[in-house]
Amino acid sequence: MLRCLGADVLGQLGFEEQCPFADEATPVLVALLDDAEATVVSSALVALGHLGTGDCAGICALAGHESEEVRHSVAYCLGTRDEPVARQTLTLLSRDSDPDVRDWATFGLGTLSDFGQRRDTPRFGCAPERLGPGRSWRGDARLTASA
């Protein structure tokens, strides 16, 4: 489909140069969110996710779309948006009926989390010393035993 290809190109155009055409591409991609074809909507969402543009509330409104592909793309698109409505929508999608949607929503929440910053606090920073090496580092046979 040409509209999907167009959305894909707009989402990648100038990516290595920090997306210099994002302002021009965004209105076109936002208009595609109303397309009748789920694949077109999905492509537009992924492109908006690459660009980090588009109205967050409008993107979140698509979380209830009937297409798993669209819901998956919503989760992808929101994974870099540190806004309360994005977090709420990702939390909702983390309970989706489709496992890929749940996976991307959970990944997005983890990406937005500040756990990496908390790791250096006294409480979290000493966890490896308190817990010791994981099973894989100890050569635990349960990890290498064939089922």
C-alpha atoms as a PDB file:
ATOM      1  CA  MET A   1       0.000   0.000   0.000  1.00  0.00           C
ATOM      2  CA  LEU A   2       1.351   3.373  -1.001  1.00  0.00           C
ATOM      3  CA  ARG A   3       0.013   5.194   2.077  1.00  0.00           C
ATOM      4  CA  CYS A   4       1.882   2.754   4.343  1.00  0.00           C
ATOM      5  CA  LEU A   5       5.065   3.218   2.352  1.00  0.00           C
ATOM      6  CA  GLY A   6       4.644   6.987   2.487  1.00  0.00           C
ATOM      7  CA  ALA A   7       4.222   6.894   6.271  1.00  0.00           C
ATOM      8  CA  ASP A   8       7.260   4.638   6.623  1.00  0.00           C
ATOM      9  CA  VAL A   9       9.395   7.000   4.538  1.00  0.00           C
ATOM     10  CA  LEU A  10       8.196  10.079   6.443  1.00  0.00           C
ATOM     11  CA  GLY A  11       9.103   8.420   9.732  1.00  0.00           C
ATOM     12  CA  GLN A  12      12.654   7.687   8.572  1.00  0.00           C
ATOM     13  CA  LEU A  13      13.405  10.691   6.357  1.00  0.00           C
ATOM     14  CA  GLY A  14      16.515  12.382   7.706  1.00  0.00           C
ATOM     15  CA  PHE A  15      16.595  10.132  10.777  1.00  0.00           C
ATOM     16  CA  GLU A  16      20.395  10.241  10.985  1.00  0.00           C
ATOM     17  CA  GLU A  17      20.237  14.055  10.938  1.00  0.00           C
ATOM     18  CA  GLN A  18      17.801  14.250  13.891  1.00  0.00           C
ATOM     19  CA  CYS A  19      14.628  14.215  11.724  1.00  0.00           C
ATOM     20  CA  PRO A  20      14.837  17.683  10.128  1.00  0.00           C
ATOM     21  CA  PHE A  21      11.488  17.157   8.370  1.00  0.00           C
ATOM     22  CA  ALA A  22       9.485  16.178  11.451  1.00  0.00           C
ATOM     23  CA  ASP A  23       7.480  19.410  11.471  1.00  0.00           C
ATOM     24  CA  GLU A  24       6.437  18.920   7.854  1.00  0.00           C
ATOM     25  CA  ALA A  25       5.780  15.179   8.194  1.00  0.00           C
ATOM     26  CA  THR A  26       3.727  15.273  11.393  1.00  0.00           C
ATOM     27  CA  PRO A  27       0.467  16.753   9.993  1.00  0.00           C
ATOM     28  CA  VAL A  28       0.494  14.227   7.145  1.00  0.00           C
ATOM     29  CA  LEU A  29       1.033  11.347   9.569  1.00  0.00           C
ATOM     30  CA  VAL A  30      -1.621  12.617  11.988  1.00  0.00           C
ATOM     31  CA  ALA A  31      -4.114  12.765   9.098  1.00  0.00           C
ATOM     32  CA  LEU A  32      -3.357   9.104   8.349  1.00  0.00           C
ATOM     33  CA  LEU A  33      -4.505   8.151  11.863  1.00  0.00           C
ATOM     34  CA  ASP A  34      -8.082   8.499  10.554  1.00  0.00           C
ATOM     35  CA  ASP A  35      -7.507   6.120   7.626  1.00  0.00           C
ATOM     36  CA  ALA A  36      -9.944   3.232   7.214  1.00  0.00           C
ATOM     37  CA  GLU A  37      -7.103   0.719   6.811  1.00  0.00           C
ATOM     38  CA  ALA A  38      -5.541  -0.509  10.057  1.00  0.00           C
ATOM     39  CA  THR A  39      -2.183  -1.071   8.353  1.00  0.00           C
ATOM     40  CA  VAL A  40      -2.044   2.589   7.333  1.00  0.00           C
ATOM     41  CA  VAL A  41      -2.917   3.754  10.854  1.00  0.00           C
ATOM     42  CA  SER A  42      -0.269   1.412  12.239  1.00  0.00           C
ATOM     43  CA  SER A  43       2.403   2.727   9.858  1.00  0.00           C
ATOM     44  CA  ALA A  44       1.532   6.318  10.767  1.00  0.00           C
ATOM     45  CA  LEU A  45       1.794   5.527  14.488  1.00  0.00           C
ATOM     46  CA  VAL A  46       5.189   3.889  14.087  1.00  0.00           C
ATOM     47  CA  ALA A  47       6.401   6.885  12.074  1.00  0.00           C
ATOM     48  CA  LEU A  48       5.141   9.286  14.761  1.00  0.00           C
ATOM     49  CA  GLY A  49       6.952   7.136  17.301  1.00  0.00           C
ATOM     50  CA  HIS A  50      10.198   7.463  15.343  1.00  0.00           C
ATOM     51  CA  LEU A  51       9.765  11.216  15.129  1.00  0.00           C
ATOM     52  CA  GLY A  52       8.515  11.642  18.692  1.00  0.00           C
ATOM     53  CA  THR A  53       5.751  13.922  17.447  1.00  0.00           C
ATOM     54  CA  GLY A  54       1.970  13.999  17.294  1.00  0.00           C
ATOM     55  CA  ASP A  55      -0.675  14.726  19.888  1.00  0.00           C
ATOM     56  CA  CYS A  56      -0.245  12.261  22.734  1.00  0.00           C
ATOM     57  CA  ALA A  57      -3.949  12.299  23.646  1.00  0.00           C
ATOM     58  CA  GLY A  58      -4.914  11.583  20.038  1.00  0.00           C
ATOM     59  CA  ILE A  59      -2.488   8.682  19.904  1.00  0.00           C
ATOM     60  CA  CYS A  60      -3.753   7.326  23.225  1.00  0.00           C
ATOM     61  CA  ALA A  61      -7.321   7.431  21.906  1.00  0.00           C
ATOM     62  CA  LEU A  62      -6.359   4.652  19.488  1.00  0.00           C
ATOM     63  CA  ALA A  63      -5.510   2.266  22.340  1.00  0.00           C
ATOM     64  CA  GLY A  64      -9.010   0.821  22.088  1.00  0.00           C
ATOM     65  CA  HIS A  65      -8.767   0.145  18.346  1.00  0.00           C
ATOM     66  CA  GLU A  66     -10.089  -3.241  17.231  1.00  0.00           C
ATOM     67  CA  SER A  67      -6.842  -4.076  15.408  1.00  0.00           C
ATOM     68  CA  GLU A  68      -4.023  -5.650  17.408  1.00  0.00           C
ATOM     69  CA  GLU A  69      -1.597  -4.147  14.905  1.00  0.00           C
ATOM     70  CA  VAL A  70      -2.830  -0.635  15.707  1.00  0.00           C
ATOM     71  CA  ARG A  71      -2.760  -1.222  19.473  1.00  0.00           C
ATOM     72  CA  HIS A  72       0.764  -2.634  19.140  1.00  0.00           C
ATOM     73  CA  SER A  73       1.817   0.499  17.245  1.00  0.00           C
ATOM     74  CA  VAL A  74       0.212   2.722  19.886  1.00  0.00           C
ATOM     75  CA  ALA A  75       2.337   0.981  22.517  1.00  0.00           C
ATOM     76  CA  TYR A  76       5.445   1.454  20.372  1.00  0.00           C
ATOM     77  CA  CYS A  77       4.662   5.114  19.721  1.00  0.00           C
ATOM     78  CA  LEU A  78       4.090   5.923  23.399  1.00  0.00           C
ATOM     79  CA  GLY A  79       7.268   4.241  24.628  1.00  0.00           C
ATOM     80  CA  THR A  80       9.267   7.462  24.434  1.00  0.00           C
ATOM     81  CA  ARG A  81       6.632   9.908  25.679  1.00  0.00           C
ATOM     82  CA  ASP A  82       7.083  10.753  29.301  1.00  0.00           C
ATOM     83  CA  GLU A  83       3.573  12.103  29.858  1.00  0.00           C
ATOM     84  CA  PRO A  84       1.008  10.898  32.405  1.00  0.00           C
ATOM     85  CA  VAL A  85      -1.547  10.012  29.719  1.00  0.00           C
ATOM     86  CA  ALA A  86       1.093   7.950  27.877  1.00  0.00           C
ATOM     87  CA  ARG A  87       1.952   6.033  31.050  1.00  0.00           C
ATOM     88  CA  GLN A  88      -1.740   5.433  31.795  1.00  0.00           C
ATOM     89  CA  THR A  89      -2.341   4.162  28.278  1.00  0.00           C
ATOM     90  CA  LEU A  90       0.718   1.904  28.366  1.00  0.00           C
ATOM     91  CA  THR A  91      -0.498   0.512  31.686  1.00  0.00           C
ATOM     92  CA  LEU A  92      -3.881  -0.206  30.098  1.00  0.00           C
ATOM     93  CA  LEU A  93      -2.224  -1.843  27.076  1.00  0.00           C
ATOM     94  CA  SER A  94      -0.031  -3.970  29.341  1.00  0.00           C
ATOM     95  CA  ARG A  95      -3.238  -5.911  30.076  1.00  0.00           C
ATOM     96  CA  ASP A  96      -4.267  -6.242  26.402  1.00  0.00           C
ATOM     97  CA  SER A  97      -5.557  -9.555  25.072  1.00  0.00           C
ATOM     98  CA  ASP A  98      -2.737  -9.690  22.494  1.00  0.00           C
ATOM     99  CA  PRO A  99       0.671 -10.804  23.836  1.00  0.00           C
ATOM    100  CA  ASP A 100       2.668  -8.584  21.440  1.00  0.00           C
ATOM    101  CA  VAL A 101       0.692  -5.522  22.539  1.00  0.00           C
ATOM    102  CA  ARG A 102       1.289  -6.415  26.191  1.00  0.00           C
ATOM    103  CA  ASP A 103       4.992  -6.949  25.505  1.00  0.00           C
ATOM    104  CA  TRP A 104       5.522  -3.565  23.827  1.00  0.00           C
ATOM    105  CA  ALA A 105       3.430  -1.755  26.428  1.00  0.00           C
ATOM    106  CA  THR A 106       5.454  -3.305  29.232  1.00  0.00           C
ATOM    107  CA  PHE A 107       8.690  -2.507  27.402  1.00  0.00           C
ATOM    108  CA  GLY A 108       7.516   1.091  26.972  1.00  0.00           C
ATOM    109  CA  LEU A 109       6.755   1.414  30.669  1.00  0.00           C
ATOM    110  CA  GLY A 110      10.187   0.038  31.480  1.00  0.00           C
ATOM    111  CA  THR A 111      11.801   2.476  29.075  1.00  0.00           C
ATOM    112  CA  LEU A 112      10.015   5.376  30.752  1.00  0.00           C
ATOM    113  CA  SER A 113      10.875   4.144  34.220  1.00  0.00           C
ATOM    114  CA  ASP A 114      13.575   5.832  36.226  1.00  0.00           C
ATOM    115  CA  PHE A 115      14.814   2.545  37.664  1.00  0.00           C
ATOM    116  CA  GLY A 116      18.207   3.027  36.019  1.00  0.00           C
ATOM    117  CA  GLN A 117      18.668   6.231  37.958  1.00  0.00           C
ATOM    118  CA  ARG A 118      17.618   4.645  41.241  1.00  0.00           C
ATOM    119  CA  ARG A 119      20.114   1.840  40.788  1.00  0.00           C
ATOM    120  CA  ASP A 120      22.867   4.032  42.180  1.00  0.00           C
ATOM    121  CA  THR A 121      21.093   4.838  45.430  1.00  0.00           C
ATOM    122  CA  PRO A 122      22.327   3.070  48.578  1.00  0.00           C
ATOM    123  CA  ARG A 123      19.218   0.872  48.676  1.00  0.00           C
ATOM    124  CA  PHE A 124      19.469  -0.379  45.092  1.00  0.00           C
ATOM    125  CA  GLY A 125      23.191   0.051  44.490  1.00  0.00           C
ATOM    126  CA  CYS A 126      24.250  -2.675  46.894  1.00  0.00           C
ATOM    127  CA  ALA A 127      21.733  -5.263  45.648  1.00  0.00           C
ATOM    128  CA  PRO A 128      24.292  -7.245  43.589  1.00  0.00           C
ATOM    129  CA  GLU A 129      26.537  -7.550  46.625  1.00  0.00           C
ATOM    130  CA  ARG A 130      23.640  -8.602  48.846  1.00  0.00           C
ATOM    131  CA  LEU A 131      22.153 -11.075  46.386  1.00  0.00           C
ATOM    132  CA  GLY A 132      25.320 -12.461  44.864  1.00  0.00           C
ATOM    133  CA  PRO A 133      25.695 -13.576  41.256  1.00  0.00           C
ATOM    134  CA  GLY A 134      22.677 -14.857  39.367  1.00  0.00           C
ATOM    135  CA  ARG A 135      22.174 -18.486  38.413  1.00  0.00           C
ATOM    136  CA  SER A 136      23.763 -18.057  35.011  1.00  0.00           C
ATOM    137  CA  TRP A 137      26.969 -16.723  36.589  1.00  0.00           C
ATOM    138  CA  ARG A 138      27.063 -19.613  39.048  1.00  0.00           C
ATOM    139  CA  GLY A 139      26.679 -22.185  36.268  1.00  0.00           C
ATOM    140  CA  ASP A 140      23.364 -23.443  37.644  1.00  0.00           C
ATOM    141  CA  ALA A 141      22.607 -26.754  35.882  1.00  0.00           C
ATOM    142  CA  ARG A 142      18.886 -25.948  35.749  1.00  0.00           C
ATOM    143  CA  LEU A 143      19.621 -23.314  33.126  1.00  0.00           C
ATOM    144  CA  THR A 144      21.505 -25.683  30.831  1.00  0.00           C
ATOM    145  CA  ALA A 145      19.501 -28.884  31.354  1.00  0.00           C
ATOM    146  CA  SER A 146      17.453 -29.882  28.328  1.00  0.00           C
ATOM    147  CA  ALA A 147      13.728 -30.166  28.825  1.00  0.00           C
END
